[in-house]
Amino acid sequence: MKLYLDIDGVLLTSRQTKAAENVEELIIFAVQNFDCYWLTTHCKGNARQALNYLKNYFPINIVDVLRKVKATNWDTLKTEGIDFSSNFIWLEDYPLNAEKLVLKKNKSLNNLIEINLNQEHELLNIVKKLKILINEQHLKLI
């Protein structure tokens, strides 16, 4: 299953930019369990941009894990970078209405998980949600 990751507002806080609480747990879990892709303004066709940005906020061991996240390419809407023929989840803090319409048109609105870092333990709760989704997906394959 593919997992599309935003950076600002998901891995990093939006205000006074820093690594989000429990983000390392999310990163390690995501990379170990999903085929991960950047879906962020910091990566349009080249993952190096995203890594250069993130190395200011994460220790080298986490940056090394993030090297496994692949690039996407898009111009106007992030949904241009999504492979709708695949099974995917998109972690995003602020999807545009136009992006939600594209998801809806592709019967994929439920694949979007909106992140709110103002919620206590948000990323730990997201890891729990992703574990449930993995288990549900595994059950469908049986």
C-alpha atoms as a PDB file:
ATOM      1  CA  MET A   1       0.000   0.000   0.000  1.00  0.00           C
ATOM      2  CA  LYS A   2       1.271   3.478  -0.843  1.00  0.00           C
ATOM      3  CA  LEU A   3       1.475   6.225   1.763  1.00  0.00           C
ATOM      4  CA  TYR A   4       1.721   9.830   0.616  1.00  0.00           C
ATOM      5  CA  LEU A   5       3.324  12.197   3.120  1.00  0.00           C
ATOM      6  CA  ASP A   6       3.134  15.944   3.485  1.00  0.00           C
ATOM      7  CA  ILE A   7       5.881  17.656   5.484  1.00  0.00           C
ATOM      8  CA  ASP A   8       4.668  20.984   6.889  1.00  0.00           C
ATOM      9  CA  GLY A   9       1.815  20.411   9.312  1.00  0.00           C
ATOM     10  CA  VAL A  10       2.358  16.636   9.302  1.00  0.00           C
ATOM     11  CA  LEU A  11       6.003  15.838  10.066  1.00  0.00           C
ATOM     12  CA  LEU A  12       6.854  19.380  11.129  1.00  0.00           C
ATOM     13  CA  THR A  13       4.801  21.903  13.045  1.00  0.00           C
ATOM     14  CA  SER A  14       3.471  24.814  11.014  1.00  0.00           C
ATOM     15  CA  ARG A  15       4.301  27.511  13.542  1.00  0.00           C
ATOM     16  CA  GLN A  16       7.791  27.857  14.978  1.00  0.00           C
ATOM     17  CA  THR A  17       8.818  24.980  12.755  1.00  0.00           C
ATOM     18  CA  LYS A  18      10.125  21.921  14.592  1.00  0.00           C
ATOM     19  CA  ALA A  19       9.690  18.168  14.463  1.00  0.00           C
ATOM     20  CA  ALA A  20       6.154  17.235  15.498  1.00  0.00           C
ATOM     21  CA  GLU A  21       5.575  15.308  18.718  1.00  0.00           C
ATOM     22  CA  ASN A  22       6.008  11.535  18.147  1.00  0.00           C
ATOM     23  CA  VAL A  23       6.976  12.071  14.510  1.00  0.00           C
ATOM     24  CA  GLU A  24       9.908   9.653  14.685  1.00  0.00           C
ATOM     25  CA  GLU A  25       7.525   6.824  15.603  1.00  0.00           C
ATOM     26  CA  LEU A  26       5.324   7.706  12.634  1.00  0.00           C
ATOM     27  CA  ILE A  27       8.263   7.904  10.224  1.00  0.00           C
ATOM     28  CA  ILE A  28       9.751   4.561  11.261  1.00  0.00           C
ATOM     29  CA  PHE A  29       6.371   2.814  11.199  1.00  0.00           C
ATOM     30  CA  ALA A  30       5.435   4.315   7.837  1.00  0.00           C
ATOM     31  CA  VAL A  31       8.672   3.421   6.075  1.00  0.00           C
ATOM     32  CA  GLN A  32       8.657  -0.114   7.500  1.00  0.00           C
ATOM     33  CA  ASN A  33       5.049  -0.822   6.508  1.00  0.00           C
ATOM     34  CA  PHE A  34       4.239   1.246   3.412  1.00  0.00           C
ATOM     35  CA  ASP A  35       5.606   2.231   0.037  1.00  0.00           C
ATOM     36  CA  CYS A  36       6.127   5.903   0.962  1.00  0.00           C
ATOM     37  CA  TYR A  37       6.038   8.954  -1.304  1.00  0.00           C
ATOM     38  CA  TRP A  38       6.463  12.663  -0.696  1.00  0.00           C
ATOM     39  CA  LEU A  39       3.400  14.758  -1.509  1.00  0.00           C
ATOM     40  CA  THR A  40       4.627  18.173  -0.436  1.00  0.00           C
ATOM     41  CA  THR A  41       5.700  21.528  -1.821  1.00  0.00           C
ATOM     42  CA  HIS A  42       9.241  20.522  -0.792  1.00  0.00           C
ATOM     43  CA  CYS A  43       9.338  17.740  -3.389  1.00  0.00           C
ATOM     44  CA  LYS A  44       8.284  18.069  -6.977  1.00  0.00           C
ATOM     45  CA  GLY A  45      10.110  15.352  -8.847  1.00  0.00           C
ATOM     46  CA  ASN A  46      13.222  15.209  -6.660  1.00  0.00           C
ATOM     47  CA  ALA A  47      13.313  13.786  -3.122  1.00  0.00           C
ATOM     48  CA  ARG A  48      16.660  15.473  -2.424  1.00  0.00           C
ATOM     49  CA  GLN A  49      14.887  18.812  -1.874  1.00  0.00           C
ATOM     50  CA  ALA A  50      12.728  17.324   0.871  1.00  0.00           C
ATOM     51  CA  LEU A  51      15.693  15.626   2.550  1.00  0.00           C
ATOM     52  CA  ASN A  52      17.772  18.811   2.480  1.00  0.00           C
ATOM     53  CA  TYR A  53      14.906  20.630   4.184  1.00  0.00           C
ATOM     54  CA  LEU A  54      14.265  17.911   6.774  1.00  0.00           C
ATOM     55  CA  LYS A  55      17.889  17.419   7.805  1.00  0.00           C
ATOM     56  CA  ASN A  56      17.581  20.729   9.675  1.00  0.00           C
ATOM     57  CA  TYR A  57      14.971  19.186  11.989  1.00  0.00           C
ATOM     58  CA  PHE A  58      15.845  15.492  12.381  1.00  0.00           C
ATOM     59  CA  PRO A  59      18.830  13.479  13.597  1.00  0.00           C
ATOM     60  CA  ILE A  60      20.838  11.702  10.906  1.00  0.00           C
ATOM     61  CA  ASN A  61      19.361   8.275  11.720  1.00  0.00           C
ATOM     62  CA  ILE A  62      15.850   9.562  10.935  1.00  0.00           C
ATOM     63  CA  VAL A  63      17.059  11.368   7.800  1.00  0.00           C
ATOM     64  CA  ASP A  64      18.529   8.027   6.687  1.00  0.00           C
ATOM     65  CA  VAL A  65      15.105   6.400   7.156  1.00  0.00           C
ATOM     66  CA  LEU A  66      13.491   9.238   5.171  1.00  0.00           C
ATOM     67  CA  ARG A  67      15.833   8.523   2.236  1.00  0.00           C
ATOM     68  CA  LYS A  68      13.530   5.578   1.462  1.00  0.00           C
ATOM     69  CA  VAL A  69      10.606   7.940   0.724  1.00  0.00           C
ATOM     70  CA  LYS A  70      10.203   8.400  -3.033  1.00  0.00           C
ATOM     71  CA  ALA A  71       9.517  11.567  -4.981  1.00  0.00           C
ATOM     72  CA  THR A  72       6.260  12.502  -6.680  1.00  0.00           C
ATOM     73  CA  ASN A  73       5.748  15.139  -9.314  1.00  0.00           C
ATOM     74  CA  TRP A  74       2.816  17.533  -9.518  1.00  0.00           C
ATOM     75  CA  ASP A  75       2.142  21.085 -10.697  1.00  0.00           C
ATOM     76  CA  THR A  76      -1.045  22.640  -9.312  1.00  0.00           C
ATOM     77  CA  LEU A  77      -2.818  20.135  -7.071  1.00  0.00           C
ATOM     78  CA  LYS A  78      -1.068  17.538  -4.942  1.00  0.00           C
ATOM     79  CA  THR A  79      -3.579  14.975  -6.181  1.00  0.00           C
ATOM     80  CA  GLU A  80      -1.743  15.097  -9.540  1.00  0.00           C
ATOM     81  CA  GLY A  81       1.018  13.127  -7.789  1.00  0.00           C
ATOM     82  CA  ILE A  82      -1.283  10.337  -6.564  1.00  0.00           C
ATOM     83  CA  ASP A  83      -1.493   6.994  -8.348  1.00  0.00           C
ATOM     84  CA  PHE A  84      -5.257   6.410  -8.221  1.00  0.00           C
ATOM     85  CA  SER A  85      -4.875   2.914  -9.678  1.00  0.00           C
ATOM     86  CA  SER A  86      -3.157   1.801  -6.466  1.00  0.00           C
ATOM     87  CA  ASN A  87      -4.288   1.324  -2.896  1.00  0.00           C
ATOM     88  CA  PHE A  88      -3.104   4.379  -0.938  1.00  0.00           C
ATOM     89  CA  ILE A  89      -3.377   6.603   2.115  1.00  0.00           C
ATOM     90  CA  TRP A  90      -2.591  10.328   2.053  1.00  0.00           C
ATOM     91  CA  LEU A  91      -1.505  12.142   5.240  1.00  0.00           C
ATOM     92  CA  GLU A  92      -2.169  15.874   4.807  1.00  0.00           C
ATOM     93  CA  ASP A  93      -2.851  18.738   7.186  1.00  0.00           C
ATOM     94  CA  TYR A  94      -4.648  21.091   4.835  1.00  0.00           C
ATOM     95  CA  PRO A  95      -6.065  19.552   1.665  1.00  0.00           C
ATOM     96  CA  LEU A  96      -7.508  22.079  -0.744  1.00  0.00           C
ATOM     97  CA  ASN A  97     -11.198  21.803  -1.627  1.00  0.00           C
ATOM     98  CA  ALA A  98     -10.170  21.171  -5.239  1.00  0.00           C
ATOM     99  CA  GLU A  99      -7.989  18.264  -4.060  1.00  0.00           C
ATOM    100  CA  LYS A 100     -10.880  16.827  -2.063  1.00  0.00           C
ATOM    101  CA  LEU A 101     -13.050  17.037  -5.190  1.00  0.00           C
ATOM    102  CA  VAL A 102     -10.446  15.080  -7.165  1.00  0.00           C
ATOM    103  CA  LEU A 103     -10.345  12.451  -4.408  1.00  0.00           C
ATOM    104  CA  LYS A 104     -14.150  12.277  -4.397  1.00  0.00           C
ATOM    105  CA  LYS A 105     -14.267  11.962  -8.195  1.00  0.00           C
ATOM    106  CA  ASN A 106     -11.825   9.048  -7.918  1.00  0.00           C
ATOM    107  CA  LYS A 107     -13.805   7.465  -5.056  1.00  0.00           C
ATOM    108  CA  SER A 108     -10.794   7.975  -2.788  1.00  0.00           C
ATOM    109  CA  LEU A 109     -11.908  10.606  -0.281  1.00  0.00           C
ATOM    110  CA  ASN A 110     -11.695   8.004   2.505  1.00  0.00           C
ATOM    111  CA  ASN A 111      -8.010   7.516   1.646  1.00  0.00           C
ATOM    112  CA  LEU A 112      -7.252  10.985   3.005  1.00  0.00           C
ATOM    113  CA  ILE A 113      -6.283  11.263   6.661  1.00  0.00           C
ATOM    114  CA  GLU A 114      -6.309  14.878   7.772  1.00  0.00           C
ATOM    115  CA  ILE A 115      -3.659  15.672  10.370  1.00  0.00           C
ATOM    116  CA  ASN A 116      -4.175  18.201  13.147  1.00  0.00           C
ATOM    117  CA  LEU A 117      -0.983  18.589  15.159  1.00  0.00           C
ATOM    118  CA  ASN A 118      -2.885  20.698  17.698  1.00  0.00           C
ATOM    119  CA  GLN A 119      -4.586  17.490  18.867  1.00  0.00           C
ATOM    120  CA  GLU A 120      -2.758  15.793  21.725  1.00  0.00           C
ATOM    121  CA  HIS A 121      -0.849  12.662  20.612  1.00  0.00           C
ATOM    122  CA  GLU A 122      -2.050  13.175  17.039  1.00  0.00           C
ATOM    123  CA  LEU A 123       0.733  11.223  15.356  1.00  0.00           C
ATOM    124  CA  LEU A 124       0.520   8.307  17.800  1.00  0.00           C
ATOM    125  CA  ASN A 125      -3.194   8.151  17.016  1.00  0.00           C
ATOM    126  CA  ILE A 126      -2.359   8.183  13.302  1.00  0.00           C
ATOM    127  CA  VAL A 127       0.023   5.241  13.774  1.00  0.00           C
ATOM    128  CA  LYS A 128      -2.805   3.350  15.514  1.00  0.00           C
ATOM    129  CA  LYS A 129      -5.170   4.192  12.648  1.00  0.00           C
ATOM    130  CA  LEU A 130      -2.611   3.028  10.083  1.00  0.00           C
ATOM    131  CA  LYS A 131      -2.149  -0.258  11.961  1.00  0.00           C
ATOM    132  CA  ILE A 132      -5.907  -0.833  11.807  1.00  0.00           C
ATOM    133  CA  LEU A 133      -5.916  -0.081   8.070  1.00  0.00           C
ATOM    134  CA  ILE A 134      -3.063  -2.543   7.500  1.00  0.00           C
ATOM    135  CA  ASN A 135      -4.939  -5.236   9.434  1.00  0.00           C
ATOM    136  CA  GLU A 136      -8.139  -4.554   7.481  1.00  0.00           C
ATOM    137  CA  GLN A 137      -6.214  -4.714   4.209  1.00  0.00           C
ATOM    138  CA  HIS A 138      -4.600  -8.000   5.270  1.00  0.00           C
ATOM    139  CA  LEU A 139      -8.012  -9.456   6.079  1.00  0.00           C
ATOM    140  CA  LYS A 140      -9.294  -8.497   2.608  1.00  0.00           C
ATOM    141  CA  LEU A 141      -6.431 -10.450   1.055  1.00  0.00           C
ATOM    142  CA  ILE A 142      -7.220 -13.637   2.994  1.00  0.00           C
END
